[in-house]
Amino acid sequence: MQRTLLLVLASMALMAQGGFRGPGRYEIYAPLSRKVLDMDRNDRRTIIQYESRHTDNQTWDITDAGGGFYFIRNVMNGNALAVADDRNSSPLIAEPFSNSPQQQWRFESGENTTAILVNRNGKAADIPNGSKNNGSKVNSYGRNGEENQQWQFQAAQGNFGGYSNSGSNTGRYDLPAKQPGRGGVSRYDGQTAGGAQRDADGAYYDDRDRMTKMDGDGVCFYRERDFRGDAVCATVRSGRPRWNSTFTDIGSVKFFGRATGVQVFDREEFRGNSVEVTGDDRDFRRNSRGNLRGAPQSMRVY
């Protein structure tokens, strides 16, 4: 009876910490803004809030650091959530894992089943001015328990336990142990959660929707209208200086993640005449082709 009571009390205490149920994989959600903690894919360092897309850069592996503290490491590259310095309004960053105090966090109970993420330096993860905008940077600030410091942990694919932490200073990311139903496959291992193989730009074919998609910030060009047929995709970071595809007659264009525009050029290395597209286009031939004097040869995504 006493053991059962202790287990119940322990479970209630964990739930009072915003749904945290021990080491595992989570999205970290802000009820105030209805956004999640996001590592910007462009520089893989800046921490922002963004609407949930269930992508790897919005997913965090939480491992035990000892003494009631935890490491919070991004699934995309294993970088650890850290404070830049000890000042108020200092930005949160994602940096290579080093086991440093700046990377250690404890979870204190907030109001309405939320948690306060408190760094070892005593500062809390804080949304400046209570912003509800996508892309707002997340700071550290003196703990006050206000609504802009309240977070909830949401389990990612029901994956708990089995995480290792070498404690080394090499920055190497220790992959999660295999979990039932997942086979140990992670999004940064080159596959989607459904098992579809991704290319170097994060593009993969979705059997359910019967179309090529991207896991990240970028654009895909399709041979046919309505996002069908073969596709050429590129990311915000790299673009595509050479088209390198068997098709050059574009039927449609689709944006993914936080990509906001693309320039298509009729010469390689982003030269020649260009067309700019700033949103999904189901019929590129009719709407956007006019300024190109030849087949597309390169594209720049932003």
Protein backbone atom coordinates (compact mmCIF):
# COMPACT_ATOMS: atom_id res chain seq x y z
CA MET A 1 0.00 0.00 0.00
CA GLN A 2 2.75 2.43 0.93
CA ARG A 3 4.69 1.60 -2.25
CA THR A 4 1.58 2.18 -4.37
CA LEU A 5 0.96 5.54 -2.69
CA LEU A 6 4.55 6.60 -3.35
CA LEU A 7 4.23 5.66 -7.03
CA VAL A 8 0.98 7.62 -7.35
CA LEU A 9 2.51 10.67 -5.68
CA ALA A 10 5.60 10.44 -7.90
CA SER A 11 3.40 10.26 -11.02
CA MET A 12 1.39 13.28 -9.88
CA ALA A 13 4.60 15.23 -9.27
CA LEU A 14 5.87 14.43 -12.76
CA MET A 15 2.60 15.44 -14.38
CA ALA A 16 2.72 18.68 -12.38
CA GLN A 17 5.99 19.33 -14.19
CA GLY A 18 4.23 19.92 -17.46
CA GLY A 19 3.78 16.30 -18.50
CA PHE A 20 7.44 15.33 -18.13
CA ARG A 21 7.59 11.57 -17.48
CA GLY A 22 11.31 11.03 -17.29
CA PRO A 23 14.08 10.79 -19.90
CA GLY A 24 12.80 10.38 -23.42
CA ARG A 25 11.83 12.24 -26.58
CA TYR A 26 9.51 15.25 -26.45
CA GLU A 27 8.20 18.34 -28.15
CA ILE A 28 8.31 21.30 -25.74
CA TYR A 29 5.12 23.32 -26.12
CA ALA A 30 4.24 26.85 -24.97
CA PRO A 31 0.52 27.08 -24.10
CA LEU A 32 0.69 30.89 -24.26
CA SER A 33 1.69 31.07 -27.92
CA ARG A 34 0.64 27.57 -29.00
CA LYS A 35 4.12 27.15 -30.48
CA VAL A 36 6.92 24.69 -29.76
CA LEU A 37 10.60 25.08 -28.99
CA ASP A 38 12.39 25.01 -32.34
CA MET A 39 16.06 24.98 -33.34
CA ASP A 40 16.31 27.16 -36.45
CA ARG A 41 17.32 24.87 -39.32
CA ASN A 42 19.11 27.73 -41.09
CA ASP A 43 21.95 28.18 -38.59
CA ARG A 44 21.24 25.15 -36.35
CA ARG A 45 21.97 27.31 -33.32
CA THR A 46 19.21 29.89 -32.78
CA ILE A 47 16.30 28.82 -30.58
CA ILE A 48 12.91 30.15 -31.62
CA GLN A 49 9.25 29.27 -31.17
CA TYR A 50 7.33 27.97 -34.16
CA GLU A 51 4.09 26.18 -34.90
CA SER A 52 4.48 22.44 -34.51
CA ARG A 53 5.39 20.53 -37.65
CA HIS A 54 6.67 17.43 -35.82
CA THR A 55 10.07 17.80 -37.48
CA ASP A 56 13.38 16.69 -36.04
CA ASN A 57 14.51 20.24 -35.23
CA GLN A 58 11.41 20.62 -33.02
CA THR A 59 12.01 17.37 -31.17
CA TRP A 60 14.24 17.01 -28.11
CA ASP A 61 15.89 14.09 -26.37
CA ILE A 62 16.00 14.63 -22.60
CA THR A 63 18.65 12.72 -20.67
CA ASP A 64 19.61 12.64 -17.00
CA ALA A 65 22.48 14.97 -16.04
CA GLY A 66 22.39 14.02 -12.35
CA GLY A 67 21.39 15.99 -9.27
CA GLY A 68 17.88 16.69 -10.56
CA PHE A 69 19.14 18.28 -13.79
CA TYR A 70 18.71 17.18 -17.40
CA PHE A 71 20.28 17.70 -20.81
CA ILE A 72 17.90 18.76 -23.60
CA ARG A 73 19.37 17.71 -26.96
CA ASN A 74 17.96 18.39 -30.40
CA VAL A 75 17.09 15.31 -32.45
CA MET A 76 18.29 16.91 -35.69
CA ASN A 77 21.97 17.08 -34.72
CA GLY A 78 22.35 16.35 -31.00
CA ASN A 79 23.14 19.95 -30.08
CA ALA A 80 22.24 20.79 -26.49
CA LEU A 81 19.91 23.54 -25.33
CA ALA A 82 22.03 26.09 -23.45
CA VAL A 83 22.14 29.66 -22.21
CA ALA A 84 24.50 32.02 -24.03
CA ASP A 85 25.45 33.79 -20.78
CA ASP A 86 24.06 34.65 -17.34
CA ARG A 87 22.44 37.98 -18.22
CA ASN A 88 18.69 38.55 -18.42
CA SER A 89 17.33 38.48 -21.98
CA SER A 90 20.29 36.42 -23.12
CA PRO A 91 19.22 34.19 -26.05
CA LEU A 92 18.96 30.45 -25.75
CA ILE A 93 21.19 28.56 -28.15
CA ALA A 94 21.77 25.02 -29.37
CA GLU A 95 25.46 24.15 -29.12
CA PRO A 96 27.55 20.98 -29.43
CA PHE A 97 27.14 18.78 -26.37
CA SER A 98 29.87 19.38 -23.78
CA ASN A 99 28.30 18.38 -20.43
CA SER A 100 28.72 21.99 -19.28
CA PRO A 101 26.58 23.65 -16.56
CA GLN A 102 25.12 25.97 -19.23
CA GLN A 103 23.52 22.89 -20.79
CA GLN A 104 21.88 21.59 -17.62
CA TRP A 105 18.21 22.22 -16.81
CA ARG A 106 15.75 21.37 -14.07
CA PHE A 107 11.98 21.32 -14.43
CA GLU A 108 9.96 23.13 -11.77
CA SER A 109 6.19 23.02 -11.44
CA GLY A 110 4.33 25.94 -12.99
CA GLU A 111 0.63 26.78 -13.01
CA ASN A 112 -2.04 24.66 -14.70
CA THR A 113 0.12 21.54 -15.16
CA THR A 114 2.94 23.42 -16.83
CA ALA A 115 6.68 23.36 -16.14
CA ILE A 116 9.28 26.09 -15.78
CA LEU A 117 12.57 25.22 -17.54
CA VAL A 118 15.27 26.54 -15.23
CA ASN A 119 18.94 26.52 -16.17
CA ARG A 120 21.61 25.71 -13.59
CA ASN A 121 22.36 29.48 -13.51
CA GLY A 122 18.82 30.11 -12.18
CA LYS A 123 17.42 31.71 -15.35
CA ALA A 124 14.28 30.33 -16.99
CA ALA A 125 13.40 29.76 -20.64
CA ASP A 126 11.31 32.83 -21.49
CA ILE A 127 9.33 34.05 -24.52
CA PRO A 128 10.11 37.81 -24.69
CA ASN A 129 7.07 40.02 -24.18
CA GLY A 130 4.82 36.99 -24.43
CA SER A 131 5.11 37.02 -28.24
CA LYS A 132 2.85 34.64 -30.14
CA ASN A 133 4.67 35.05 -33.45
CA ASN A 134 6.38 32.30 -35.41
CA GLY A 135 10.15 32.82 -35.35
CA SER A 136 10.31 34.76 -32.07
CA LYS A 137 13.61 34.02 -30.32
CA VAL A 138 13.48 32.39 -26.90
CA ASN A 139 15.55 33.99 -24.14
CA SER A 140 16.63 33.21 -20.61
CA TYR A 141 15.33 35.47 -17.86
CA GLY A 142 15.03 35.53 -14.10
CA ARG A 143 12.45 32.99 -12.97
CA ASN A 144 9.10 34.68 -12.32
CA GLY A 145 6.66 31.88 -13.20
CA GLU A 146 4.63 34.11 -15.51
CA GLU A 147 2.76 32.68 -18.48
CA ASN A 148 5.59 33.35 -20.93
CA GLN A 149 7.83 31.02 -18.88
CA GLN A 150 5.38 28.12 -18.81
CA TRP A 151 5.92 25.03 -20.97
CA GLN A 152 4.50 21.56 -21.45
CA PHE A 153 6.22 18.35 -22.52
CA GLN A 154 4.47 16.39 -25.25
CA ALA A 155 5.70 12.87 -25.91
CA ALA A 156 7.07 12.33 -29.42
CA GLN A 157 5.79 9.02 -30.83
CA GLY A 158 5.50 7.53 -27.35
CA ASN A 159 9.26 7.06 -27.07
CA PHE A 160 10.61 6.94 -23.49
CA GLY A 161 13.77 5.59 -21.94
CA GLY A 162 16.75 3.88 -23.49
CA TYR A 163 18.81 7.02 -24.00
CA SER A 164 22.54 6.95 -23.35
CA ASN A 165 24.84 9.79 -22.41
CA SER A 166 28.57 9.24 -22.61
CA GLY A 167 29.40 12.35 -20.58
CA SER A 168 32.31 12.99 -22.92
CA ASN A 169 33.32 16.40 -24.25
CA THR A 170 33.63 15.31 -27.86
CA GLY A 171 30.24 16.60 -28.95
CA ARG A 172 29.39 13.17 -30.43
CA TYR A 173 25.69 12.45 -30.29
CA ASP A 174 24.73 9.22 -28.57
CA LEU A 175 21.83 7.73 -30.51
CA PRO A 176 18.75 6.46 -28.65
CA ALA A 177 18.56 2.77 -28.00
CA LYS A 178 16.07 0.85 -30.12
CA GLN A 179 12.46 1.25 -29.08
CA PRO A 180 9.53 -1.07 -29.81
CA GLY A 181 7.77 -0.13 -33.03
CA ARG A 182 10.55 2.21 -34.19
CA GLY A 183 13.46 -0.12 -34.85
CA GLY A 184 15.88 2.49 -33.60
CA VAL A 185 15.37 4.60 -36.74
CA SER A 186 15.55 8.36 -36.20
CA ARG A 187 14.79 11.20 -38.59
CA TYR A 188 18.41 12.25 -38.69
CA ASP A 189 19.42 8.73 -39.77
CA GLY A 190 18.27 9.52 -43.32
CA GLN A 191 14.73 8.17 -43.10
CA THR A 192 11.32 9.51 -42.25
CA ALA A 193 9.37 8.11 -39.32
CA GLY A 194 7.43 6.01 -41.82
CA GLY A 195 10.60 4.48 -43.22
CA ALA A 196 10.78 6.38 -46.54
CA GLN A 197 14.33 7.15 -47.60
CA ARG A 198 15.33 10.83 -47.66
CA ASP A 199 17.84 12.33 -50.07
CA ALA A 200 20.57 14.83 -49.11
CA ASP A 201 18.06 17.70 -49.21
CA GLY A 202 15.57 15.94 -46.92
CA ALA A 203 13.16 15.05 -49.74
CA TYR A 204 11.20 11.80 -49.68
CA TYR A 205 8.18 10.23 -51.35
CA ASP A 206 5.04 10.05 -49.20
CA ASP A 207 3.10 6.93 -50.22
CA ARG A 208 -0.07 8.06 -48.46
CA ASP A 209 -0.32 11.42 -50.28
CA ARG A 210 1.42 10.06 -53.40
CA MET A 211 3.77 12.99 -53.73
CA THR A 212 7.34 14.05 -52.94
CA LYS A 213 7.72 16.11 -49.76
CA MET A 214 10.51 17.73 -47.76
CA ASP A 215 11.34 17.38 -44.08
CA GLY A 216 12.67 20.86 -43.48
CA ASP A 217 12.78 24.35 -45.02
CA GLY A 218 12.79 24.25 -48.79
CA VAL A 219 10.94 24.04 -52.09
CA CYS A 220 10.06 21.22 -54.49
CA PHE A 221 9.42 21.62 -58.23
CA TYR A 222 7.25 18.93 -59.83
CA ARG A 223 7.07 17.70 -63.40
CA GLU A 224 3.25 17.76 -63.36
CA ARG A 225 0.53 20.06 -62.08
CA ASP A 226 -0.86 19.74 -58.55
CA PHE A 227 2.48 18.58 -57.07
CA ARG A 228 2.59 15.28 -58.95
CA GLY A 229 5.28 13.40 -60.81
CA ASP A 230 9.06 13.59 -60.51
CA ALA A 231 10.39 16.37 -58.28
CA VAL A 232 13.51 18.50 -57.85
CA CYS A 233 13.89 19.87 -54.32
CA ALA A 234 16.30 22.28 -52.62
CA THR A 235 16.80 23.68 -49.15
CA VAL A 236 17.11 27.24 -47.91
CA ARG A 237 20.70 26.57 -46.91
CA SER A 238 22.01 25.16 -50.18
CA GLY A 239 19.67 25.97 -53.05
CA ARG A 240 20.56 24.17 -56.26
CA PRO A 241 23.31 25.77 -58.40
CA ARG A 242 22.71 23.11 -61.08
CA TRP A 243 19.33 21.66 -61.94
CA ASN A 244 20.64 18.11 -62.52
CA SER A 245 17.33 16.48 -63.39
CA THR A 246 15.79 14.58 -66.25
CA PHE A 247 12.88 17.02 -66.50
CA THR A 248 12.99 20.76 -67.15
CA ASP A 249 9.36 21.58 -67.87
CA ILE A 250 7.98 22.56 -64.46
CA GLY A 251 4.36 21.78 -63.69
CA SER A 252 3.98 23.00 -60.08
CA VAL A 253 5.86 24.31 -57.03
CA LYS A 254 5.34 23.62 -53.31
CA PHE A 255 6.93 25.22 -50.22
CA PHE A 256 7.87 23.42 -47.02
CA GLY A 257 8.82 24.60 -43.52
CA ARG A 258 9.79 28.26 -43.29
CA ALA A 259 10.89 28.76 -46.89
CA THR A 260 9.27 31.97 -48.19
CA GLY A 261 10.50 32.34 -51.75
CA VAL A 262 12.52 30.87 -54.61
CA GLN A 263 14.24 32.31 -57.68
CA VAL A 264 14.49 30.05 -60.71
CA PHE A 265 17.24 30.90 -63.22
CA ASP A 266 17.69 29.84 -66.85
CA ARG A 267 21.47 29.53 -66.39
CA GLU A 268 23.57 27.59 -63.88
CA GLU A 269 25.06 29.15 -60.73
CA PHE A 270 22.10 31.54 -60.25
CA ARG A 271 22.72 33.51 -63.44
CA GLY A 272 20.63 34.64 -66.39
CA ASN A 273 16.95 35.54 -66.37
CA SER A 274 14.89 34.51 -63.39
CA VAL A 275 11.38 34.03 -62.09
CA GLU A 276 10.47 34.55 -58.43
CA VAL A 277 7.83 32.42 -56.72
CA THR A 278 6.63 33.23 -53.20
CA GLY A 279 3.98 30.58 -52.59
CA ASP A 280 2.59 27.26 -53.72
CA ASP A 281 1.81 27.22 -57.43
CA ARG A 282 -0.28 24.34 -58.77
CA ASP A 283 0.19 25.38 -62.41
CA PHE A 284 3.64 26.88 -62.90
CA ARG A 285 3.48 26.69 -66.70
CA ARG A 286 0.48 29.01 -66.82
CA ASN A 287 1.34 31.36 -63.95
CA SER A 288 5.09 31.86 -63.63
CA ARG A 289 7.19 30.77 -66.61
CA GLY A 290 7.09 34.02 -68.62
CA ASN A 291 10.48 35.57 -67.73
CA LEU A 292 12.61 32.49 -68.39
CA ARG A 293 14.20 32.28 -71.84
CA GLY A 294 15.10 28.65 -71.52
CA ALA A 295 14.78 25.62 -69.30
CA PRO A 296 15.46 26.11 -65.57
CA GLN A 297 19.11 25.53 -64.72
CA SER A 298 19.44 26.62 -61.06
CA MET A 299 17.42 27.92 -58.13
CA ARG A 300 17.99 29.90 -54.97
CA VAL A 301 15.67 29.34 -51.99
CA TYR A 302 15.13 31.75 -49.08
